[in-house]
Amino acid sequence: MFYVPDGTTKCGYYECEKCGTRFLDLSNDEYIECIDCGFEPDLEIGPDEVMEDSRKTAKLISVIEGEEEVEKMDSLLSLAITGGDYNWI
């Protein structure tokens, strides 16, 4: 699968409030770091500056349970990225 490992039976369905990306993740926390824009470190910080913390901008929409349901949702979300098989829809 694209977002979660094969055989996953429970995962979180998230949407980033900043960039709008929707994705699956193994965690079920209310907010997590976005896979696209969550942590963009400034690599040119000076010696007296502090590295910025990660931004938790992806909000949990729902929890997907059941191996078949997780596989269907993963396939659906990855269609635009991978051009995967959409015959099951």
N, C-alpha and C. Protein backbone atom coordinates (compact mmCIF):
# COMPACT_ATOMS: atom_id res chain seq x y z
N MET A 1 0.84 -1.17 0.00
CA MET A 1 0.00 0.00 0.00
C MET A 1 0.89 1.24 0.00
N PHE A 2 0.29 2.38 -0.23
CA PHE A 2 1.05 3.61 -0.41
C PHE A 2 1.34 4.34 0.91
N TYR A 3 0.31 4.55 1.74
CA TYR A 3 0.46 5.34 2.96
C TYR A 3 0.78 4.50 4.20
N VAL A 4 0.20 3.32 4.30
CA VAL A 4 0.40 2.46 5.47
C VAL A 4 0.86 1.08 5.01
N PRO A 5 1.51 0.31 5.88
CA PRO A 5 1.99 -1.02 5.50
C PRO A 5 0.84 -2.00 5.21
N ASP A 6 1.13 -3.00 4.40
CA ASP A 6 0.14 -4.05 4.12
C ASP A 6 -0.27 -4.73 5.43
N GLY A 7 -1.54 -5.08 5.53
CA GLY A 7 -2.04 -5.76 6.71
C GLY A 7 -2.47 -4.83 7.83
N THR A 8 -2.42 -3.52 7.63
CA THR A 8 -2.85 -2.57 8.66
C THR A 8 -4.35 -2.70 8.86
N THR A 9 -4.77 -2.79 10.13
CA THR A 9 -6.19 -2.96 10.43
C THR A 9 -6.83 -1.70 11.02
N LYS A 10 -6.02 -0.72 11.43
CA LYS A 10 -6.56 0.50 12.01
C LYS A 10 -5.59 1.64 11.73
N CYS A 11 -6.13 2.76 11.22
CA CYS A 11 -5.29 3.92 10.96
C CYS A 11 -6.14 5.19 11.02
N GLY A 12 -5.47 6.32 11.05
CA GLY A 12 -6.15 7.61 11.07
C GLY A 12 -6.17 8.23 9.69
N TYR A 13 -7.28 8.88 9.37
CA TYR A 13 -7.44 9.60 8.10
C TYR A 13 -7.34 11.09 8.44
N TYR A 14 -6.34 11.75 7.87
CA TYR A 14 -6.01 13.13 8.24
C TYR A 14 -6.13 14.09 7.07
N GLU A 15 -6.38 15.37 7.40
CA GLU A 15 -6.34 16.45 6.42
C GLU A 15 -5.56 17.60 7.02
N CYS A 16 -4.59 18.11 6.26
CA CYS A 16 -3.78 19.22 6.73
C CYS A 16 -4.57 20.52 6.59
N GLU A 17 -4.61 21.31 7.65
CA GLU A 17 -5.33 22.58 7.63
C GLU A 17 -4.56 23.65 6.87
N LYS A 18 -3.28 23.43 6.65
CA LYS A 18 -2.44 24.42 5.97
C LYS A 18 -2.44 24.21 4.45
N CYS A 19 -2.16 22.98 4.00
CA CYS A 19 -2.03 22.73 2.55
C CYS A 19 -3.18 21.92 1.95
N GLY A 20 -4.03 21.31 2.78
CA GLY A 20 -5.18 20.56 2.29
C GLY A 20 -4.90 19.12 1.91
N THR A 21 -3.68 18.64 2.12
CA THR A 21 -3.33 17.27 1.79
C THR A 21 -4.09 16.29 2.68
N ARG A 22 -4.63 15.25 2.08
CA ARG A 22 -5.30 14.19 2.85
C ARG A 22 -4.46 12.94 2.76
N PHE A 23 -4.31 12.25 3.88
CA PHE A 23 -3.46 11.07 3.92
C PHE A 23 -3.84 10.17 5.09
N LEU A 24 -3.29 8.96 5.08
CA LEU A 24 -3.48 8.00 6.16
C LEU A 24 -2.21 7.92 6.99
N ASP A 25 -2.35 7.66 8.27
CA ASP A 25 -1.20 7.50 9.15
C ASP A 25 -1.55 6.46 10.22
N LEU A 26 -0.54 5.76 10.70
CA LEU A 26 -0.77 4.72 11.71
C LEU A 26 -1.22 5.28 13.05
N SER A 27 -0.95 6.54 13.32
CA SER A 27 -1.35 7.12 14.61
C SER A 27 -2.84 7.49 14.58
N ASN A 28 -3.38 7.71 15.76
CA ASN A 28 -4.77 8.14 15.91
C ASN A 28 -4.87 9.38 16.77
N ASP A 29 -3.80 10.20 16.77
CA ASP A 29 -3.79 11.43 17.55
C ASP A 29 -4.68 12.48 16.90
N GLU A 30 -5.16 13.43 17.69
CA GLU A 30 -6.04 14.49 17.17
C GLU A 30 -5.33 15.33 16.11
N TYR A 31 -4.09 15.71 16.36
CA TYR A 31 -3.28 16.47 15.40
C TYR A 31 -1.92 15.81 15.25
N ILE A 32 -1.42 15.73 14.02
CA ILE A 32 -0.07 15.23 13.76
C ILE A 32 0.60 16.14 12.74
N GLU A 33 1.87 15.87 12.49
CA GLU A 33 2.65 16.62 11.53
C GLU A 33 2.24 16.20 10.11
N CYS A 34 2.02 17.17 9.23
CA CYS A 34 1.66 16.88 7.84
C CYS A 34 2.83 16.25 7.11
N ILE A 35 2.55 15.29 6.23
CA ILE A 35 3.62 14.64 5.48
C ILE A 35 4.21 15.55 4.42
N ASP A 36 3.49 16.59 4.00
CA ASP A 36 3.99 17.51 2.98
C ASP A 36 4.61 18.78 3.56
N CYS A 37 3.95 19.40 4.51
CA CYS A 37 4.42 20.71 4.98
C CYS A 37 4.69 20.75 6.48
N GLY A 38 4.59 19.64 7.17
CA GLY A 38 4.69 19.63 8.62
C GLY A 38 5.99 20.15 9.20
N PHE A 39 7.11 19.78 8.62
CA PHE A 39 8.38 20.23 9.18
C PHE A 39 9.31 20.65 8.07
N GLU A 40 9.43 21.95 7.89
CA GLU A 40 10.33 22.51 6.90
C GLU A 40 11.38 23.31 7.66
N PRO A 41 12.46 22.66 8.08
CA PRO A 41 13.45 23.35 8.91
C PRO A 41 14.22 24.41 8.15
N ASP A 42 14.57 25.47 8.85
CA ASP A 42 15.43 26.51 8.30
C ASP A 42 16.86 26.08 8.55
N LEU A 43 17.55 25.65 7.50
CA LEU A 43 18.89 25.11 7.65
C LEU A 43 19.95 26.20 7.79
N GLU A 44 19.56 27.45 7.67
CA GLU A 44 20.50 28.55 7.77
C GLU A 44 20.27 29.36 9.04
N ILE A 45 20.19 28.68 10.18
CA ILE A 45 20.01 29.39 11.44
C ILE A 45 21.38 29.72 12.03
N GLY A 46 21.42 30.80 12.77
CA GLY A 46 22.67 31.23 13.38
C GLY A 46 22.90 30.55 14.71
N PRO A 47 24.07 30.79 15.31
CA PRO A 47 24.40 30.13 16.58
C PRO A 47 23.54 30.57 17.76
N ASP A 48 22.93 31.76 17.67
CA ASP A 48 22.11 32.24 18.77
C ASP A 48 20.61 32.06 18.50
N GLU A 49 20.25 31.37 17.43
CA GLU A 49 18.86 31.12 17.09
C GLU A 49 18.47 29.70 17.47
N VAL A 50 17.20 29.50 17.73
CA VAL A 50 16.68 28.20 18.14
C VAL A 50 15.97 27.55 16.96
N MET A 51 16.22 26.25 16.75
CA MET A 51 15.54 25.53 15.68
C MET A 51 14.05 25.43 16.01
N GLU A 52 13.24 25.71 15.03
CA GLU A 52 11.79 25.72 15.19
C GLU A 52 11.24 24.32 15.44
N ASP A 53 10.21 24.20 16.28
CA ASP A 53 9.55 22.93 16.53
C ASP A 53 8.71 22.53 15.32
N SER A 54 8.38 21.24 15.25
CA SER A 54 7.54 20.77 14.15
C SER A 54 6.13 21.35 14.31
N ARG A 55 5.44 21.46 13.19
CA ARG A 55 4.09 22.03 13.19
C ARG A 55 3.08 20.89 13.01
N LYS A 56 2.21 20.75 13.96
CA LYS A 56 1.17 19.72 13.87
C LYS A 56 -0.08 20.37 13.28
N THR A 57 -0.21 20.28 11.95
CA THR A 57 -1.30 20.95 11.24
C THR A 57 -2.32 19.99 10.64
N ALA A 58 -2.04 18.68 10.69
CA ALA A 58 -2.97 17.71 10.11
C ALA A 58 -3.95 17.24 11.18
N LYS A 59 -5.23 17.44 10.91
CA LYS A 59 -6.28 17.10 11.88
C LYS A 59 -6.92 15.76 11.51
N LEU A 60 -7.18 14.96 12.54
CA LEU A 60 -7.83 13.66 12.36
C LEU A 60 -9.27 13.87 11.90
N ILE A 61 -9.61 13.27 10.76
CA ILE A 61 -10.98 13.34 10.24
C ILE A 61 -11.77 12.14 10.75
N SER A 62 -11.17 10.96 10.63
CA SER A 62 -11.83 9.75 11.13
C SER A 62 -10.81 8.64 11.31
N VAL A 63 -11.24 7.60 12.01
CA VAL A 63 -10.42 6.42 12.20
C VAL A 63 -10.98 5.33 11.30
N ILE A 64 -10.12 4.75 10.47
CA ILE A 64 -10.51 3.71 9.54
C ILE A 64 -10.15 2.36 10.17
N GLU A 65 -11.13 1.46 10.29
CA GLU A 65 -10.89 0.16 10.90
C GLU A 65 -11.26 -0.96 9.95
N GLY A 66 -10.51 -2.04 10.03
CA GLY A 66 -10.73 -3.20 9.18
C GLY A 66 -9.73 -3.19 8.03
N GLU A 67 -9.08 -4.33 7.82
CA GLU A 67 -8.02 -4.42 6.82
C GLU A 67 -8.52 -4.06 5.42
N GLU A 68 -9.71 -4.52 5.06
CA GLU A 68 -10.25 -4.24 3.74
C GLU A 68 -10.58 -2.75 3.57
N GLU A 69 -11.15 -2.13 4.60
CA GLU A 69 -11.48 -0.71 4.54
C GLU A 69 -10.22 0.16 4.44
N VAL A 70 -9.19 -0.21 5.20
CA VAL A 70 -7.93 0.52 5.15
C VAL A 70 -7.31 0.41 3.76
N GLU A 71 -7.35 -0.77 3.19
CA GLU A 71 -6.79 -0.99 1.85
C GLU A 71 -7.55 -0.18 0.80
N LYS A 72 -8.87 -0.14 0.89
CA LYS A 72 -9.67 0.64 -0.06
C LYS A 72 -9.37 2.14 0.06
N MET A 73 -9.30 2.64 1.28
CA MET A 73 -9.04 4.07 1.48
C MET A 73 -7.64 4.43 1.01
N ASP A 74 -6.66 3.58 1.28
CA ASP A 74 -5.29 3.81 0.83
C ASP A 74 -5.24 3.86 -0.69
N SER A 75 -5.92 2.94 -1.34
CA SER A 75 -5.95 2.92 -2.81
C SER A 75 -6.61 4.16 -3.37
N LEU A 76 -7.70 4.58 -2.76
CA LEU A 76 -8.41 5.76 -3.23
C LEU A 76 -7.56 7.02 -3.09
N LEU A 77 -6.92 7.20 -1.96
CA LEU A 77 -6.10 8.39 -1.74
C LEU A 77 -4.85 8.41 -2.60
N SER A 78 -4.34 7.25 -2.96
CA SER A 78 -3.10 7.19 -3.73
C SER A 78 -3.33 7.22 -5.24
N LEU A 79 -4.58 7.20 -5.71
CA LEU A 79 -4.86 7.19 -7.15
C LEU A 79 -4.21 8.36 -7.88
N ALA A 80 -4.37 9.56 -7.37
CA ALA A 80 -3.83 10.75 -8.04
C ALA A 80 -2.32 10.74 -8.08
N ILE A 81 -1.69 10.15 -7.08
CA ILE A 81 -0.24 10.15 -7.00
C ILE A 81 0.37 9.02 -7.81
N THR A 82 -0.20 7.82 -7.71
CA THR A 82 0.40 6.65 -8.33
C THR A 82 -0.24 6.22 -9.64
N GLY A 83 -1.46 6.71 -9.90
CA GLY A 83 -2.16 6.23 -11.08
C GLY A 83 -2.55 4.77 -10.93
N GLY A 84 -2.86 4.37 -9.70
CA GLY A 84 -3.12 2.97 -9.36
C GLY A 84 -4.38 2.40 -9.98
N ASP A 85 -4.66 1.17 -9.63
CA ASP A 85 -5.81 0.43 -10.13
C ASP A 85 -7.07 0.92 -9.43
N TYR A 86 -8.06 1.39 -10.18
CA TYR A 86 -9.28 1.91 -9.61
C TYR A 86 -10.50 1.04 -9.95
N ASN A 87 -10.29 -0.20 -10.34
CA ASN A 87 -11.38 -1.09 -10.74
C ASN A 87 -12.30 -1.45 -9.58
N TRP A 88 -11.82 -1.38 -8.33
CA TRP A 88 -12.65 -1.77 -7.19
C TRP A 88 -13.72 -0.74 -6.86
N ILE A 89 -13.59 0.49 -7.39
CA ILE A 89 -14.54 1.57 -7.04
C ILE A 89 -15.90 1.28 -7.64
